Protein backbone atom coordinates (compact mmCIF):
# COMPACT_ATOMS: atom_id res chain seq x y z
CA MET A 1 4.44 19.15 -87.68
CA THR A 2 4.30 17.38 -91.28
CA THR A 3 3.92 13.63 -91.07
CA ARG A 4 5.17 12.46 -94.12
CA LEU A 5 5.64 8.53 -95.48
CA GLY A 6 8.00 6.90 -97.31
CA ALA A 7 10.36 4.10 -96.50
CA VAL A 8 14.00 3.66 -95.09
CA GLY A 9 15.49 3.09 -98.43
CA ASP A 10 13.87 6.42 -99.72
CA LEU A 11 16.29 8.22 -97.07
CA GLY A 12 20.24 9.35 -97.84
CA ALA A 13 23.02 6.97 -96.78
CA GLU A 14 23.46 9.44 -93.51
CA ASP A 15 19.82 9.17 -92.36
CA GLN A 16 19.92 5.50 -92.67
CA LYS A 17 23.14 5.30 -90.31
CA ILE A 18 21.30 6.87 -87.82
CA ILE A 19 18.19 4.64 -88.29
CA THR A 20 20.50 1.70 -88.21
CA LEU A 21 22.58 3.31 -84.82
CA ALA A 22 18.83 3.58 -83.35
CA ARG A 23 17.87 -0.05 -84.04
CA SER A 24 21.54 -1.57 -82.53
CA ALA A 25 20.58 0.93 -79.54
CA ARG A 26 17.26 -0.55 -79.28
CA ALA A 27 18.42 -4.25 -79.38
CA ARG A 28 21.91 -4.41 -77.52
CA VAL A 29 19.93 -3.81 -74.42
CA ALA A 30 16.01 -5.44 -75.48
CA ALA A 31 14.70 -1.77 -74.36
CA ALA A 32 11.28 -1.13 -75.65
CA GLU A 33 12.61 1.85 -77.70
CA GLY A 34 16.14 2.76 -78.93
CA ALA A 35 16.87 6.10 -80.86
CA ALA A 36 20.08 8.51 -82.38
CA VAL A 37 20.73 12.14 -83.74
CA ARG A 38 22.87 13.52 -85.85
CA ASP A 39 24.72 16.78 -84.84
CA GLU A 40 25.52 19.50 -86.88
CA THR A 41 29.22 18.50 -87.42
CA GLY A 42 28.34 14.94 -88.13
CA ARG A 43 28.99 13.11 -85.29
CA THR A 44 26.48 10.55 -83.89
CA TYR A 45 24.82 9.98 -80.90
CA ALA A 46 22.70 6.60 -79.93
CA ALA A 47 20.64 5.59 -77.34
CA ALA A 48 18.56 2.78 -75.28
CA ALA A 49 15.55 3.81 -73.31
CA VAL A 50 16.16 3.86 -69.67
CA ASN A 51 13.84 2.19 -67.00
CA LEU A 52 14.96 1.94 -63.72
CA PRO A 53 13.33 2.43 -60.33
CA SER A 54 15.21 6.02 -59.87
CA LEU A 55 15.53 7.21 -63.72
CA ARG A 56 13.03 7.35 -66.81
CA LEU A 57 14.29 9.08 -69.80
CA SER A 58 13.17 8.05 -73.33
CA ALA A 59 15.77 6.71 -75.96
CA LEU A 60 15.32 10.72 -78.05
CA ARG A 61 15.57 12.51 -75.29
CA LEU A 62 18.82 11.09 -74.29
CA ALA A 63 19.92 11.18 -77.27
CA VAL A 64 19.59 14.65 -77.57
CA ALA A 65 21.33 15.17 -74.31
CA MET A 66 24.36 12.75 -74.69
CA ALA A 67 24.67 15.55 -77.95
CA VAL A 68 24.14 18.57 -75.81
CA SER A 69 26.44 17.40 -72.79
CA SER A 70 29.21 16.59 -75.59
CA GLY A 71 28.79 20.15 -76.88
CA ALA A 72 26.73 19.76 -80.06
CA ALA A 73 25.63 23.36 -80.94
CA GLY A 74 22.53 21.70 -83.37
CA LEU A 75 20.67 19.10 -84.37
CA GLU A 76 20.86 18.11 -88.48
CA ALA A 77 18.55 15.08 -87.97
CA ALA A 78 17.44 12.23 -85.46
CA ALA A 79 15.81 8.88 -85.86
CA LEU A 80 13.38 6.98 -82.72
CA VAL A 81 13.26 3.27 -82.56
CA SER A 82 9.57 1.84 -81.53
CA ASP A 83 6.23 0.44 -81.65
CA ALA A 84 4.74 3.69 -80.18
CA ASP A 85 1.80 4.85 -82.86
CA THR A 86 3.71 8.51 -82.40
CA PRO A 87 6.21 10.18 -80.99
CA ASP A 88 6.30 11.32 -77.86
CA ALA A 89 5.59 14.91 -77.99
CA GLY A 90 8.14 16.11 -75.23
CA ASP A 91 10.50 13.60 -77.27
CA LEU A 92 9.76 15.42 -80.49
CA ALA A 93 9.94 18.62 -78.42
CA ALA A 94 13.75 17.95 -77.10
CA VAL A 95 14.77 17.50 -80.43
CA GLN A 96 13.36 20.62 -81.62
CA ASP A 97 14.99 22.61 -78.53
CA ILE A 98 18.53 22.35 -80.24
CA GLY A 99 17.34 21.26 -83.93
CA PRO A 100 14.54 23.75 -84.91
CA GLY A 101 14.24 22.39 -88.81
CA ALA A 102 15.36 18.82 -87.52
CA PRO A 103 13.21 16.08 -88.98
CA VAL A 104 12.44 13.11 -86.72
CA PHE A 105 12.35 9.53 -88.57
CA HIS A 106 9.52 7.38 -86.68
CA VAL A 107 10.44 3.50 -87.42
CA GLY A 108 9.23 0.76 -86.11
CA THR A 109 10.91 -2.00 -84.78
CA ASN A 110 10.58 -4.22 -87.38
CA GLY A 111 12.77 -1.27 -89.40
CA ALA A 112 9.75 0.07 -91.38
CA LEU A 113 9.36 3.61 -92.15
CA ARG A 114 6.26 4.42 -90.05
CA ALA A 115 7.31 8.85 -90.28
CA THR A 116 9.31 11.15 -91.17
CA LEU A 117 8.15 14.24 -88.83
CA THR A 118 8.97 18.12 -89.90
CA PRO A 119 8.93 21.16 -88.73
């Protein structure tokens, strides 16, 4: 993966939309992270991290799972909002499984674009 820096405002409207959805999903339940993905038809799926005693899912893996379980055949882009230095390798692999060319926008909880990861 290649990392590119920039600003959220430099992204297109559809990419800004999934970042907003990821931020909203995180804030809605005060989760550590939020994520959103856009499928090949333009549908979006947003999720927050799940941290139950019997079930733990990262926000990005859950958003990918929601897309796949809804019939998505591919992903165009993904956004992850977290304070982690870098996205988890397993999260990136989940995106690449269904969207091998999809960029992942890593955004800090302050709303700043930390990196755009492209395959």
